[in-house]
């Protein structure tokens, strides 16, 4: 007499195979969600970068009462001396 199956030597039951469809559906949903998030991040980054590059032109300074008129601003692209920079 041999040890082993108690059912009398018949075929042993096989383990149930896992179904791949639920895992594939979850993988597709996670990929779709990640794609949507990254597209929004990239779009927002492009808008912020465009806003940072475009600057308003400098305004002309006005004289306060009792003060002499300030010098006119230099034209854009002109080198400015360190002594003329006002902090």
N, C-alpha and C. Protein backbone atom coordinates (compact mmCIF):
# COMPACT_ATOMS: atom_id res chain seq x y z
N UNK A 1 0.84 -1.17 0.00
CA UNK A 1 0.00 0.00 0.00
C UNK A 1 0.89 1.24 0.00
N UNK A 2 0.56 2.21 -0.86
CA UNK A 2 1.36 3.43 -0.97
C UNK A 2 0.63 4.59 -0.33
N UNK A 3 1.40 5.53 0.17
CA UNK A 3 0.82 6.73 0.76
C UNK A 3 0.55 7.73 -0.35
N UNK A 4 -0.40 8.59 -0.17
CA UNK A 4 -0.66 9.59 -1.19
C UNK A 4 -2.11 9.94 -1.24
N UNK A 5 -2.71 9.74 -2.37
CA UNK A 5 -4.09 10.13 -2.59
C UNK A 5 -5.03 9.24 -1.79
N UNK A 6 -5.99 9.86 -1.17
CA UNK A 6 -6.98 9.11 -0.39
C UNK A 6 -8.19 8.74 -1.23
N UNK A 7 -8.26 9.24 -2.45
CA UNK A 7 -9.44 9.00 -3.27
C UNK A 7 -9.36 7.69 -4.04
N UNK A 8 -8.34 6.96 -3.82
CA UNK A 8 -8.27 5.66 -4.46
C UNK A 8 -7.45 5.66 -5.74
N UNK A 9 -6.60 6.60 -5.94
CA UNK A 9 -5.72 6.58 -7.10
C UNK A 9 -6.26 7.27 -8.32
N UNK A 10 -7.34 8.04 -8.19
CA UNK A 10 -7.89 8.76 -9.33
C UNK A 10 -7.05 9.99 -9.65
N UNK A 11 -7.44 10.72 -10.68
CA UNK A 11 -6.68 11.94 -11.04
C UNK A 11 -6.78 12.99 -9.93
N UNK A 12 -5.68 13.66 -9.69
CA UNK A 12 -5.66 14.69 -8.65
C UNK A 12 -6.29 15.97 -9.19
N UNK A 13 -7.00 16.69 -8.36
CA UNK A 13 -7.62 17.95 -8.85
C UNK A 13 -6.55 19.00 -9.14
N UNK A 14 -6.72 19.68 -10.23
CA UNK A 14 -5.76 20.71 -10.63
C UNK A 14 -6.16 22.05 -10.02
N UNK A 15 -5.18 22.88 -9.83
CA UNK A 15 -5.48 24.22 -9.33
C UNK A 15 -6.17 25.02 -10.42
N UNK A 16 -7.05 25.90 -10.02
CA UNK A 16 -7.77 26.74 -10.96
C UNK A 16 -6.81 27.80 -11.52
N UNK A 17 -6.80 27.97 -12.79
CA UNK A 17 -5.93 28.98 -13.41
C UNK A 17 -6.53 30.36 -13.19
N UNK A 18 -5.67 31.33 -13.06
CA UNK A 18 -6.14 32.71 -12.89
C UNK A 18 -6.55 33.27 -14.23
N UNK A 19 -7.57 34.13 -14.18
CA UNK A 19 -8.03 34.78 -15.41
C UNK A 19 -7.26 36.08 -15.60
N UNK A 20 -6.68 36.30 -16.78
CA UNK A 20 -5.88 37.51 -16.99
C UNK A 20 -6.70 38.75 -17.33
N UNK A 21 -7.97 38.60 -17.66
CA UNK A 21 -8.78 39.74 -18.12
C UNK A 21 -8.92 40.82 -17.03
N UNK A 22 -9.25 40.52 -15.78
CA UNK A 22 -9.36 41.59 -14.78
C UNK A 22 -8.04 42.34 -14.57
N UNK A 23 -6.94 41.61 -14.60
CA UNK A 23 -5.64 42.28 -14.42
C UNK A 23 -5.33 43.18 -15.61
N UNK A 24 -5.67 42.74 -16.81
CA UNK A 24 -5.43 43.57 -17.99
C UNK A 24 -6.32 44.81 -17.99
N UNK A 25 -7.56 44.67 -17.56
CA UNK A 25 -8.47 45.83 -17.48
C UNK A 25 -7.93 46.84 -16.47
N UNK A 26 -7.45 46.35 -15.32
CA UNK A 26 -6.89 47.26 -14.31
C UNK A 26 -5.63 47.95 -14.83
N UNK A 27 -4.80 47.22 -15.55
CA UNK A 27 -3.58 47.79 -16.11
C UNK A 27 -3.91 48.88 -17.14
N UNK A 28 -4.91 48.64 -17.97
CA UNK A 28 -5.32 49.64 -18.96
C UNK A 28 -5.88 50.87 -18.27
N UNK A 29 -6.70 50.70 -17.23
CA UNK A 29 -7.27 51.85 -16.52
C UNK A 29 -6.19 52.67 -15.82
N UNK A 30 -5.23 52.01 -15.20
CA UNK A 30 -4.13 52.74 -14.56
C UNK A 30 -3.28 53.49 -15.58
N UNK A 31 -3.03 52.86 -16.72
CA UNK A 31 -2.27 53.53 -17.78
C UNK A 31 -3.00 54.73 -18.33
N UNK A 32 -4.31 54.59 -18.51
CA UNK A 32 -5.12 55.71 -19.00
C UNK A 32 -5.12 56.87 -18.00
N UNK A 33 -5.27 56.54 -16.72
CA UNK A 33 -5.24 57.59 -15.69
C UNK A 33 -3.90 58.30 -15.64
N UNK A 34 -2.80 57.55 -15.73
CA UNK A 34 -1.47 58.15 -15.71
C UNK A 34 -1.26 59.04 -16.93
N UNK A 35 -1.76 58.61 -18.09
CA UNK A 35 -1.62 59.42 -19.30
C UNK A 35 -2.38 60.74 -19.17
N UNK A 36 -3.58 60.70 -18.64
CA UNK A 36 -4.37 61.92 -18.47
C UNK A 36 -3.67 62.88 -17.51
N UNK A 37 -3.15 62.35 -16.40
CA UNK A 37 -2.47 63.21 -15.42
C UNK A 37 -1.25 63.85 -16.04
N UNK A 38 -0.43 63.08 -16.75
CA UNK A 38 0.79 63.66 -17.34
C UNK A 38 0.47 64.67 -18.43
N UNK A 39 -0.57 64.44 -19.21
CA UNK A 39 -0.93 65.43 -20.23
C UNK A 39 -1.35 66.75 -19.59
N UNK A 40 -2.06 66.70 -18.47
CA UNK A 40 -2.44 67.93 -17.78
C UNK A 40 -1.22 68.63 -17.20
N UNK A 41 -0.28 67.88 -16.67
CA UNK A 41 0.93 68.48 -16.11
C UNK A 41 1.74 69.16 -17.20
N UNK A 42 1.90 68.50 -18.33
CA UNK A 42 2.67 69.08 -19.44
C UNK A 42 1.97 70.31 -19.98
N UNK A 43 0.64 70.27 -20.11
CA UNK A 43 -0.10 71.42 -20.62
C UNK A 43 0.02 72.61 -19.67
N UNK A 44 -0.10 72.36 -18.37
CA UNK A 44 0.01 73.44 -17.39
C UNK A 44 1.42 74.02 -17.38
N UNK A 45 2.43 73.16 -17.56
CA UNK A 45 3.82 73.63 -17.58
C UNK A 45 4.06 74.54 -18.78
N UNK A 46 3.49 74.22 -19.93
CA UNK A 46 3.66 75.05 -21.11
C UNK A 46 3.01 76.42 -20.91
N UNK A 47 1.86 76.46 -20.26
CA UNK A 47 1.19 77.75 -20.03
C UNK A 47 2.00 78.60 -19.06
N UNK A 48 2.53 77.99 -17.99
CA UNK A 48 3.33 78.73 -17.02
C UNK A 48 4.62 79.23 -17.64
N UNK A 49 5.23 78.42 -18.48
CA UNK A 49 6.49 78.82 -19.12
C UNK A 49 6.25 79.99 -20.08
N UNK A 50 5.15 79.97 -20.80
CA UNK A 50 4.85 81.06 -21.73
C UNK A 50 4.59 82.35 -20.97
N UNK A 51 3.94 82.26 -19.81
CA UNK A 51 3.66 83.46 -19.02
C UNK A 51 4.94 84.04 -18.43
N UNK A 52 5.91 83.18 -18.12
CA UNK A 52 7.16 83.65 -17.54
C UNK A 52 8.07 84.30 -18.56
N UNK A 53 7.95 83.96 -19.82
CA UNK A 53 8.83 84.50 -20.85
C UNK A 53 8.37 85.89 -21.28
N UNK A 54 7.07 86.09 -21.36
CA UNK A 54 6.55 87.38 -21.83
C UNK A 54 6.45 88.36 -20.66
N UNK A 55 7.11 89.48 -20.80
CA UNK A 55 7.11 90.50 -19.75
C UNK A 55 6.40 91.76 -20.26
N UNK A 56 5.84 92.50 -19.35
CA UNK A 56 5.27 93.78 -19.70
C UNK A 56 6.41 94.77 -19.95
N UNK A 57 6.22 95.71 -20.87
CA UNK A 57 7.28 96.71 -21.08
C UNK A 57 7.40 97.60 -19.84
N UNK A 58 8.60 98.12 -19.60
CA UNK A 58 8.78 98.96 -18.41
C UNK A 58 7.97 100.25 -18.52
N UNK A 59 7.47 100.70 -17.39
CA UNK A 59 6.72 101.95 -17.38
C UNK A 59 7.68 103.12 -17.19
N UNK A 60 7.28 104.26 -17.64
CA UNK A 60 8.13 105.44 -17.48
C UNK A 60 7.92 105.99 -16.07
N UNK A 61 9.00 106.28 -15.37
CA UNK A 61 8.86 106.80 -14.01
C UNK A 61 8.32 108.23 -14.04
N UNK A 62 7.52 108.55 -13.05
CA UNK A 62 6.97 109.91 -12.93
C UNK A 62 7.62 110.61 -11.74
N UNK A 63 7.68 111.90 -11.82
CA UNK A 63 8.29 112.69 -10.75
C UNK A 63 7.29 112.91 -9.63
N UNK A 64 7.76 112.74 -8.40
CA UNK A 64 6.91 113.04 -7.25
C UNK A 64 6.94 114.55 -7.01
N UNK A 65 5.99 115.04 -6.23
CA UNK A 65 5.94 116.49 -6.01
C UNK A 65 7.18 116.95 -5.26
N UNK A 66 7.80 117.99 -5.76
CA UNK A 66 8.99 118.56 -5.13
C UNK A 66 10.28 117.84 -5.48
N UNK A 67 10.23 116.84 -6.31
CA UNK A 67 11.43 116.08 -6.70
C UNK A 67 11.76 116.39 -8.16
N UNK A 68 13.05 116.29 -8.51
CA UNK A 68 13.40 116.51 -9.92
C UNK A 68 12.91 115.32 -10.76
N UNK A 69 12.73 115.56 -12.02
CA UNK A 69 12.24 114.51 -12.92
C UNK A 69 13.29 113.40 -13.03
N UNK A 70 12.88 112.15 -12.96
CA UNK A 70 13.84 111.06 -13.08
C UNK A 70 14.36 110.94 -14.52
N UNK A 71 15.53 110.35 -14.68
CA UNK A 71 16.06 110.20 -16.04
C UNK A 71 15.18 109.22 -16.83
N UNK A 72 15.14 109.38 -18.14
CA UNK A 72 14.32 108.46 -18.95
C UNK A 72 14.92 107.05 -18.88
N UNK A 73 14.08 106.04 -18.97
CA UNK A 73 14.60 104.67 -18.91
C UNK A 73 15.42 104.35 -20.16
N UNK A 74 16.41 103.49 -20.03
CA UNK A 74 17.20 103.14 -21.21
C UNK A 74 16.37 102.30 -22.17
N UNK A 75 16.75 102.32 -23.42
CA UNK A 75 16.02 101.49 -24.39
C UNK A 75 16.35 100.02 -24.11
N UNK A 76 15.43 99.17 -24.49
CA UNK A 76 15.61 97.75 -24.24
C UNK A 76 16.82 97.23 -25.01
N UNK A 77 17.62 96.43 -24.32
CA UNK A 77 18.82 95.86 -24.93
C UNK A 77 20.05 96.73 -24.73
N UNK A 78 19.92 97.87 -24.09
CA UNK A 78 21.05 98.77 -23.87
C UNK A 78 21.71 98.41 -22.53
N UNK A 79 23.05 98.47 -22.48
CA UNK A 79 23.78 98.16 -21.26
C UNK A 79 23.53 99.26 -20.23
N UNK A 80 23.25 98.84 -18.99
CA UNK A 80 22.97 99.78 -17.92
C UNK A 80 24.13 99.71 -16.93
N UNK A 81 24.61 100.87 -16.51
CA UNK A 81 25.69 100.94 -15.54
C UNK A 81 25.19 100.55 -14.15
N UNK A 82 26.07 99.98 -13.31
CA UNK A 82 25.66 99.54 -11.99
C UNK A 82 25.19 100.70 -11.11
N UNK A 83 25.75 101.86 -11.29
CA UNK A 83 25.37 103.00 -10.43
C UNK A 83 23.97 103.52 -10.75
N UNK A 84 23.46 103.22 -11.95
CA UNK A 84 22.13 103.72 -12.30
C UNK A 84 21.02 102.75 -11.91
N UNK A 85 21.37 101.57 -11.40
CA UNK A 85 20.36 100.61 -10.99
C UNK A 85 19.83 101.00 -9.61
N UNK A 86 18.52 101.16 -9.52
CA UNK A 86 17.87 101.53 -8.25
C UNK A 86 17.30 100.27 -7.64
N UNK A 87 17.60 100.04 -6.38
CA UNK A 87 17.10 98.84 -5.71
C UNK A 87 15.83 99.13 -4.98
